[in-house]
Amino acid sequence: MDLRSLQETWDTLGREDPFGAILDPLRGRTDWDIDDFFASGRLEIEQVLADGGRHGLPRERNAALDFGCGAGRLTQAMASEFATGVGIDIAPSMIDLARRLNRTPERCSFVLNASESLEGFDNSSFDLVYSNITLQHIEPALGRRYIAELARVLRPGGLLVFQLPSGLDTQALPPSAFRAEIELRTTELELPPGGKAAVRAAVRNRGDARWPADVFRRPIRLGNHWRARDGEMLRLDDARAPLWCDVDAGDELELELTVTAPDDPGSYELELDVVQEGVAWFADRGSPTVRLPVVVSADAVAEEWKPERTRPAPRAWKRRPHARLAARAARLRRRLGRSAPDVHSNGNTPEAAMYGIPRADVCDLLEASGTRVVEVIENDAAGPGWISLRYTATKDE
């Protein structure tokens, strides 16, 4: 796909379904709230800055760039954290919509960029350069040029963060396999603060594909979260129980999960879900979970507990070090639904193509462009079937 074809595709998306093109849960929908749409952008930028803050980046907050800005969801959030926020996009329809929805034109601006470079911006122009679910829709040859350009416009001491698949994920389950029915065998639980207990559950495969037990990169496990009684997420990851054999569609397996209670006394909910590590929790693909009310009390007697000899270390499917932001994001996703601006689809909206660039190639390109790779973290932004990575880099003084 050449640059002109890429522009035509995204300009059509911008006319027909701009918000669904930006956030997949909104695809084809008009029953959502514009305030929630922009609030989700603020949460995302808060998370980006919180993660960058662990590395002391960015050192200044003068200017930020949103590459592939769409309707300006993230650009407006950047403008609230930086002196100025600039959004660029290849689609005239997206830029027109972003300008129409711009609430802070004195700090936030939008630029149409239909070039293979960022020729309208000088070297070292931005303290934050951010791009999410954009480069994955650009052919690798052009994507490489854009990555070099994103590095070029980054200031020394700045923060560069972008998401890009490294390739197809051959071990990810098909979407139709993310269906489970979980039945608790443990019916009541009272624990002391920080106490451990074995929770038993039967897990039935309600999908249409086998769950393999020997998937090395993408193991399938039973896991748990801790929630407050009102449903607020308190701890996303606690324990894991691996499959001890393959589970065919329709079959059931009994598992035992060793959970650790919260440190503070109170009433909680223990939520059980199935996860394919590095891909998704089944609940995020529409599968039901189960919850067990739990009382954490200083008077509770801890059961005798011995650690398993070969318990696999849990690995979150998605990096969420800030539980409060994760809980707010979950509430926001539930709220996305009320009134939308006057934008309608004609039912012929094109699909954006997907591409990936190997991780080693991206890291080499960043180094050759004068930036230093800080970290590379796997996430699920590209959806099932892809290995999606988030790159963080900086330019040294």
Protein backbone atom coordinates (compact mmCIF):
# COMPACT_ATOMS: atom_id res chain seq x y z
CA MET A 1 0.00 0.00 0.00
CA ASP A 2 1.53 3.32 -1.09
CA LEU A 3 1.15 6.60 0.80
CA ARG A 4 -1.77 7.75 -1.32
CA SER A 5 -3.69 4.51 -0.77
CA LEU A 6 -2.95 4.71 2.95
CA GLN A 7 -4.36 8.24 3.04
CA GLU A 8 -7.48 7.21 1.12
CA THR A 9 -8.16 4.32 3.52
CA TRP A 10 -7.85 6.47 6.65
CA ASP A 11 -9.71 9.38 5.14
CA THR A 12 -12.62 7.02 4.46
CA LEU A 13 -12.40 5.69 8.02
CA GLY A 14 -12.41 9.27 9.25
CA ARG A 15 -15.61 10.01 7.34
CA GLU A 16 -17.44 6.74 7.99
CA ASP A 17 -16.40 5.52 11.46
CA PRO A 18 -13.73 7.78 12.99
CA PHE A 19 -14.24 6.75 16.61
CA GLY A 20 -14.44 3.03 15.86
CA ALA A 21 -11.21 3.34 13.88
CA ILE A 22 -9.57 4.82 16.99
CA LEU A 23 -11.10 2.59 19.68
CA ASP A 24 -12.24 -0.86 18.54
CA PRO A 25 -15.05 -1.11 21.16
CA LEU A 26 -16.71 1.88 19.47
CA ARG A 27 -16.66 0.39 15.97
CA GLY A 28 -19.92 1.16 14.21
CA ARG A 29 -21.50 2.56 17.38
CA THR A 30 -23.18 5.90 18.01
CA ASP A 31 -24.52 5.20 21.53
CA TRP A 32 -21.57 6.51 23.53
CA ASP A 33 -20.46 9.70 25.24
CA ILE A 34 -17.88 12.13 23.80
CA ASP A 35 -16.70 13.11 27.29
CA ASP A 36 -15.87 9.47 28.06
CA PHE A 37 -14.02 9.22 24.75
CA PHE A 38 -11.67 12.04 25.72
CA ALA A 39 -11.46 10.86 29.34
CA SER A 40 -10.04 7.55 28.06
CA GLY A 41 -7.29 9.58 26.34
CA ARG A 42 -6.41 11.31 29.60
CA LEU A 43 -6.10 7.94 31.35
CA GLU A 44 -3.81 6.65 28.60
CA ILE A 45 -1.50 9.66 28.74
CA GLU A 46 -1.44 9.55 32.54
CA GLN A 47 -0.25 5.96 32.28
CA VAL A 48 2.40 6.81 29.67
CA LEU A 49 3.78 9.60 31.86
CA ALA A 50 3.64 7.45 35.00
CA ASP A 51 5.61 4.72 33.23
CA GLY A 52 8.09 7.26 31.85
CA GLY A 53 8.44 8.78 35.29
CA ARG A 54 10.01 5.53 36.52
CA HIS A 55 12.93 6.40 34.25
CA GLY A 56 12.92 10.13 35.00
CA LEU A 57 11.45 10.92 31.57
CA PRO A 58 10.62 13.30 30.06
CA ARG A 59 12.81 15.86 31.79
CA GLU A 60 10.77 18.79 30.46
CA ARG A 61 7.10 19.23 29.55
CA ASN A 62 7.15 21.88 26.88
CA ALA A 63 5.82 20.18 23.74
CA ALA A 64 4.27 16.80 22.92
CA LEU A 65 3.56 15.08 19.58
CA ASP A 66 0.74 12.62 18.89
CA PHE A 67 1.59 10.64 15.74
CA GLY A 68 -1.61 9.31 14.16
CA CYS A 69 -3.85 11.57 16.22
CA GLY A 70 -7.22 10.65 14.71
CA ALA A 71 -9.91 12.75 16.42
CA GLY A 72 -7.42 14.14 18.94
CA ARG A 73 -8.27 11.87 21.86
CA LEU A 74 -4.66 11.74 23.04
CA THR A 75 -3.53 15.12 21.73
CA GLN A 76 -5.95 17.01 23.95
CA ALA A 77 -4.77 14.94 26.91
CA MET A 78 -1.16 15.85 26.06
CA ALA A 79 -2.06 19.54 25.94
CA SER A 80 -3.29 19.31 29.53
CA GLU A 81 0.10 17.94 30.65
CA PHE A 82 2.43 19.93 28.36
CA ALA A 83 2.64 23.56 27.32
CA THR A 84 1.55 22.52 23.83
CA GLY A 85 0.23 19.37 22.20
CA VAL A 86 0.43 18.72 18.45
CA GLY A 87 -1.48 15.98 16.67
CA ILE A 88 -0.61 14.85 13.16
CA ASP A 89 -2.55 12.51 10.90
CA ILE A 90 -2.56 11.48 7.26
CA ALA A 91 -6.36 11.72 6.88
CA PRO A 92 -7.97 15.12 6.15
CA SER A 93 -11.28 13.90 7.60
CA MET A 94 -9.60 12.99 10.90
CA ILE A 95 -7.85 16.35 11.13
CA ASP A 96 -11.09 18.20 10.35
CA LEU A 97 -12.90 16.29 13.10
CA ALA A 98 -10.07 16.81 15.59
CA ARG A 99 -10.14 20.56 14.97
CA ARG A 100 -13.90 20.61 15.36
CA LEU A 101 -13.69 18.83 18.70
CA ASN A 102 -10.67 20.80 19.96
CA ARG A 103 -11.49 22.20 23.41
CA THR A 104 -8.16 23.98 23.99
CA PRO A 105 -7.07 25.53 20.68
CA GLU A 106 -4.67 27.86 22.49
CA ARG A 107 -2.58 24.83 23.57
CA CYS A 108 -3.59 22.10 21.16
CA SER A 109 -3.18 22.06 17.36
CA PHE A 110 -3.60 19.58 14.53
CA VAL A 111 -1.53 19.21 11.38
CA LEU A 112 -2.25 17.23 8.22
CA ASN A 113 0.84 15.23 7.25
CA ALA A 114 0.72 13.37 3.94
CA SER A 115 4.48 13.09 3.59
CA GLU A 116 6.82 10.14 4.11
CA SER A 117 8.63 12.28 6.67
CA LEU A 118 7.80 14.80 9.40
CA GLU A 119 9.26 17.58 7.30
CA GLY A 120 7.17 20.25 8.99
CA PHE A 121 9.00 19.77 12.30
CA ASP A 122 12.58 20.67 13.22
CA ASN A 123 15.04 18.35 14.87
CA SER A 124 14.62 18.00 18.65
CA SER A 125 11.18 19.67 18.76
CA PHE A 126 9.27 17.54 21.30
CA ASP A 127 9.70 16.34 24.88
CA LEU A 128 7.14 13.56 24.37
CA VAL A 129 6.59 11.68 21.12
CA TYR A 130 3.83 9.08 21.36
CA SER A 131 2.09 6.77 18.92
CA ASN A 132 -0.31 3.93 19.66
CA ILE A 133 -2.09 1.53 17.23
CA THR A 134 -0.88 3.60 14.27
CA LEU A 135 2.44 2.20 13.01
CA GLN A 136 0.87 -1.27 12.87
CA HIS A 137 -1.24 -0.10 9.91
CA ILE A 138 1.73 1.21 7.90
CA GLU A 139 3.79 -0.97 5.56
CA PRO A 140 7.19 -1.77 7.11
CA ALA A 141 9.30 0.18 4.60
CA LEU A 142 7.36 3.37 5.33
CA GLY A 143 7.00 2.49 9.01
CA ARG A 144 10.78 2.36 9.38
CA ARG A 145 11.09 5.86 7.91
CA TYR A 146 8.48 7.18 10.33
CA ILE A 147 10.23 5.61 13.33
CA ALA A 148 13.46 7.34 12.32
CA GLU A 149 11.54 10.60 12.00
CA LEU A 150 9.93 10.18 15.44
CA ALA A 151 13.44 9.77 16.86
CA ARG A 152 14.68 12.81 14.93
CA VAL A 153 12.10 15.21 16.37
CA LEU A 154 12.65 13.99 19.96
CA ARG A 155 14.52 16.38 22.24
CA PRO A 156 17.44 15.22 24.40
CA GLY A 157 15.97 14.05 27.68
CA GLY A 158 12.65 13.43 25.97
CA LEU A 159 10.41 10.37 26.01
CA LEU A 160 9.60 8.40 22.86
CA VAL A 161 6.92 5.71 23.23
CA PHE A 162 5.28 3.80 20.39
CA GLN A 163 3.50 0.49 19.84
CA LEU A 164 4.19 -1.87 16.97
CA PRO A 165 3.75 -5.63 16.43
CA SER A 166 6.89 -7.68 15.93
CA GLY A 167 5.01 -10.26 13.88
CA LEU A 168 2.27 -12.87 13.95
CA ASP A 169 1.72 -14.81 17.15
CA THR A 170 1.47 -18.47 16.17
CA GLN A 171 0.73 -19.61 19.75
CA ALA A 172 -2.23 -17.32 20.45
CA LEU A 173 -5.62 -19.01 20.69
CA PRO A 174 -8.17 -18.10 18.02
CA PRO A 175 -10.76 -15.57 19.26
CA SER A 176 -13.46 -18.26 19.38
CA ALA A 177 -11.41 -20.28 21.91
CA PHE A 178 -11.53 -17.59 24.62
CA ARG A 179 -14.63 -19.06 26.26
CA ALA A 180 -14.59 -20.71 29.68
CA GLU A 181 -17.09 -21.77 32.31
CA ILE A 182 -15.68 -21.71 35.84
CA GLU A 183 -17.43 -23.46 38.73
CA LEU A 184 -16.13 -22.87 42.26
CA ARG A 185 -15.57 -25.93 44.39
CA THR A 186 -14.57 -23.73 47.34
CA THR A 187 -17.74 -22.07 48.60
CA GLU A 188 -16.55 -19.95 51.55
CA LEU A 189 -13.29 -18.39 52.59
CA GLU A 190 -12.05 -16.40 55.55
CA LEU A 191 -8.39 -15.47 55.77
CA PRO A 192 -6.05 -13.45 57.96
CA PRO A 193 -4.36 -10.43 56.33
CA GLY A 194 -1.77 -11.72 53.86
CA GLY A 195 -2.87 -15.31 54.50
CA LYS A 196 -2.76 -18.02 51.86
CA ALA A 197 -5.41 -20.55 50.94
CA ALA A 198 -6.07 -23.14 48.24
CA VAL A 199 -9.13 -22.37 46.12
CA ARG A 200 -10.49 -25.19 43.97
CA ALA A 201 -12.46 -24.74 40.77
CA ALA A 202 -13.62 -26.73 37.76
CA VAL A 203 -12.84 -25.07 34.44
CA ARG A 204 -14.73 -26.13 31.31
CA ASN A 205 -13.64 -25.26 27.77
CA ARG A 206 -16.66 -23.59 26.17
CA GLY A 207 -14.74 -22.54 23.06
CA ASP A 208 -14.34 -24.42 19.81
CA ALA A 209 -10.62 -25.21 19.97
CA ARG A 210 -8.33 -27.22 22.24
CA TRP A 211 -6.48 -25.50 25.06
CA PRO A 212 -2.95 -26.96 24.88
CA ALA A 213 -1.06 -27.50 28.13
CA ASP A 214 2.42 -27.33 26.59
CA VAL A 215 2.35 -23.86 24.99
CA PHE A 216 5.65 -22.40 26.14
CA ARG A 217 5.34 -18.71 25.22
CA ARG A 218 1.59 -18.43 25.71
CA PRO A 219 0.56 -20.77 28.54
CA ILE A 220 -3.11 -20.96 29.50
CA ARG A 221 -3.76 -20.68 33.23
CA LEU A 222 -6.42 -20.11 35.81
CA GLY A 223 -5.77 -16.85 37.63
CA ASN A 224 -7.41 -14.50 40.08
CA HIS A 225 -7.96 -10.84 40.88
CA TRP A 226 -8.93 -9.17 44.15
CA ARG A 227 -11.80 -6.69 44.07
CA ALA A 228 -13.56 -4.53 46.64
CA ARG A 229 -17.15 -5.52 47.36
CA ASP A 230 -18.30 -2.70 45.05
CA GLY A 231 -16.38 -4.32 42.21
CA GLU A 232 -13.40 -1.95 42.06
CA MET A 233 -10.22 -3.69 40.97
CA LEU A 234 -7.67 -3.76 43.80
CA ARG A 235 -5.12 -6.32 42.59
CA LEU A 236 -5.12 -7.47 38.99
CA ASP A 237 -2.66 -10.34 39.37
CA ASP A 238 -2.31 -12.69 42.32
CA ALA A 239 -1.93 -16.40 41.59
CA ARG A 240 -1.80 -18.80 38.65
CA ALA A 241 -2.66 -22.49 38.23
CA PRO A 242 -1.38 -24.07 34.99
CA LEU A 243 -3.25 -26.66 32.97
CA TRP A 244 -1.89 -30.13 33.75
CA CYS A 245 -3.23 -31.61 30.51
CA ASP A 246 -4.79 -30.50 27.21
CA VAL A 247 -8.44 -29.48 27.46
CA ASP A 248 -10.54 -30.22 24.38
CA ALA A 249 -13.65 -28.19 23.56
CA GLY A 250 -16.40 -29.24 25.97
CA ASP A 251 -14.03 -30.91 28.44
CA GLU A 252 -13.54 -29.92 32.07
CA LEU A 253 -10.47 -29.76 34.29
CA GLU A 254 -10.22 -29.33 38.07
CA LEU A 255 -7.54 -26.91 39.25
CA GLU A 256 -6.27 -25.61 42.56
CA LEU A 257 -5.18 -22.00 42.94
CA THR A 258 -3.15 -20.81 45.94
CA VAL A 259 -4.29 -17.23 46.60
CA THR A 260 -2.85 -14.59 48.93
CA ALA A 261 -5.28 -12.36 50.83
CA PRO A 262 -4.99 -8.55 50.86
CA ASP A 263 -3.03 -7.05 53.74
CA ASP A 264 -5.91 -4.99 55.12
CA PRO A 265 -8.88 -6.51 56.98
CA GLY A 266 -12.23 -6.13 55.28
CA SER A 267 -14.72 -7.68 52.86
CA TYR A 268 -13.48 -8.53 49.39
CA GLU A 269 -14.36 -10.45 46.24
CA LEU A 270 -12.00 -13.04 44.83
CA GLU A 271 -12.52 -13.15 41.06
CA LEU A 272 -11.41 -16.16 39.01
CA ASP A 273 -10.72 -15.96 35.29
CA VAL A 274 -8.72 -17.85 32.68
CA VAL A 275 -5.79 -16.12 30.99
CA GLN A 276 -3.57 -16.87 28.03
CA GLU A 277 -0.38 -15.18 29.15
CA GLY A 278 0.82 -12.45 26.86
CA VAL A 279 -2.47 -12.43 24.96
CA ALA A 280 -5.55 -11.68 27.08
CA TRP A 281 -7.71 -12.50 30.04
CA PHE A 282 -10.70 -14.48 28.81
CA ALA A 283 -13.07 -11.90 30.35
CA ASP A 284 -11.66 -9.27 28.00
CA ARG A 285 -12.85 -11.48 25.13
CA GLY A 286 -16.37 -11.76 26.55
CA SER A 287 -16.04 -14.88 28.73
CA PRO A 288 -17.76 -14.85 32.17
CA THR A 289 -15.82 -14.90 35.44
CA VAL A 290 -16.86 -16.10 38.91
CA ARG A 291 -16.50 -14.29 42.24
CA LEU A 292 -16.22 -15.60 45.78
CA PRO A 293 -16.95 -13.30 48.75
CA VAL A 294 -13.98 -13.34 51.13
CA VAL A 295 -13.62 -11.92 54.63
CA VAL A 296 -10.13 -10.88 55.68
CA SER A 297 -9.98 -10.72 59.45
CA ALA A 298 -7.22 -10.62 62.06
CA ASP A 299 -9.19 -13.27 63.96
CA ALA A 300 -9.17 -15.74 61.08
CA VAL A 301 -7.01 -18.84 61.41
CA ALA A 302 -4.61 -19.41 58.56
CA GLU A 303 -4.68 -22.89 57.07
CA GLU A 304 -1.46 -24.85 56.86
CA TRP A 305 0.09 -23.98 53.53
CA LYS A 306 3.11 -25.36 51.71
CA PRO A 307 4.39 -23.84 48.46
CA GLU A 308 4.23 -25.96 45.34
CA ARG A 309 7.57 -27.32 44.21
CA THR A 310 7.35 -26.05 40.64
CA ARG A 311 4.84 -23.24 40.67
CA PRO A 312 5.26 -21.13 37.52
CA ALA A 313 5.90 -17.44 38.10
CA PRO A 314 2.85 -15.36 37.12
CA ARG A 315 3.29 -12.98 34.21
CA ALA A 316 0.65 -10.40 33.48
CA TRP A 317 -0.86 -10.33 29.99
CA LYS A 318 -0.68 -6.57 30.08
CA ARG A 319 1.58 -4.26 32.04
CA ARG A 320 -0.58 -2.41 34.58
CA PRO A 321 1.62 -1.32 37.50
CA HIS A 322 -0.87 1.30 38.65
CA ALA A 323 -3.97 -0.42 40.02
CA ARG A 324 -5.93 2.79 40.48
CA LEU A 325 -5.48 3.80 36.84
CA ALA A 326 -6.46 0.28 35.76
CA ALA A 327 -9.64 0.43 37.85
CA ARG A 328 -10.52 3.85 36.45
CA ALA A 329 -9.97 2.59 32.92
CA ALA A 330 -12.27 -0.37 33.55
CA ARG A 331 -15.02 1.91 34.85
CA LEU A 332 -14.57 4.17 31.86
CA ARG A 333 -14.94 1.27 29.41
CA ARG A 334 -18.23 0.38 31.07
CA ARG A 335 -19.42 3.98 30.73
CA LEU A 336 -18.68 4.29 27.00
CA GLY A 337 -22.26 4.44 25.86
CA ARG A 338 -24.64 7.36 25.59
CA SER A 339 -24.71 10.17 23.01
CA ALA A 340 -22.31 10.69 20.12
CA PRO A 341 -21.70 13.53 17.65
CA ASP A 342 -23.37 13.47 14.28
CA VAL A 343 -21.07 10.99 12.51
CA HIS A 344 -22.55 7.94 10.79
CA SER A 345 -21.25 4.91 8.93
CA ASN A 346 -22.64 3.77 5.61
CA GLY A 347 -21.75 0.14 6.32
CA ASN A 348 -18.89 0.06 3.78
CA THR A 349 -16.08 1.12 6.09
CA PRO A 350 -12.74 -0.34 4.93
CA GLU A 351 -10.52 -2.49 7.15
CA ALA A 352 -7.05 -1.20 7.95
CA ALA A 353 -4.25 -3.60 7.03
CA MET A 354 -1.91 -4.93 9.75
CA TYR A 355 1.89 -5.16 9.61
CA GLY A 356 4.77 -5.94 11.93
CA ILE A 357 8.50 -5.25 12.13
CA PRO A 358 10.83 -7.64 14.01
CA ARG A 359 11.90 -6.39 17.42
CA ALA A 360 15.63 -6.57 16.63
CA ASP A 361 15.12 -4.42 13.52
CA VAL A 362 13.23 -1.75 15.48
CA CYS A 363 15.87 -1.62 18.22
CA ASP A 364 18.66 -1.36 15.65
CA LEU A 365 16.80 1.44 13.88
CA LEU A 366 16.30 3.37 17.12
CA GLU A 367 19.98 3.08 18.01
CA ALA A 368 20.98 4.18 14.49
CA SER A 369 18.64 7.19 14.84
CA GLY A 370 20.47 8.47 17.91
CA THR A 371 18.11 7.19 20.60
CA ARG A 372 18.66 4.73 23.42
CA VAL A 373 16.12 1.96 24.00
CA VAL A 374 14.95 2.09 27.63
CA GLU A 375 12.57 -0.87 27.64
CA VAL A 376 10.39 -3.03 25.41
CA ILE A 377 7.17 -4.39 26.92
CA GLU A 378 4.65 -6.74 25.41
CA ASN A 379 0.99 -5.69 25.39
CA ASP A 380 -2.23 -6.68 23.63
CA ALA A 381 -2.79 -3.51 21.58
CA ALA A 382 -2.60 -5.29 18.23
CA GLY A 383 -5.25 -7.81 19.23
CA PRO A 384 -5.25 -11.61 19.04
CA GLY A 385 -2.88 -13.20 16.56
CA TRP A 386 -0.10 -10.59 16.86
CA ILE A 387 2.87 -10.08 19.18
CA SER A 388 2.43 -6.42 20.10
CA LEU A 389 5.31 -4.50 21.68
CA ARG A 390 5.55 -1.07 23.27
CA TYR A 391 8.94 0.59 22.79
CA THR A 392 10.29 3.25 25.14
CA ALA A 393 13.36 5.24 24.13
CA THR A 394 15.10 8.48 24.95
CA LYS A 395 17.75 10.73 23.45
CA ASP A 396 20.65 11.36 25.82
CA GLU A 397 21.86 14.87 26.54
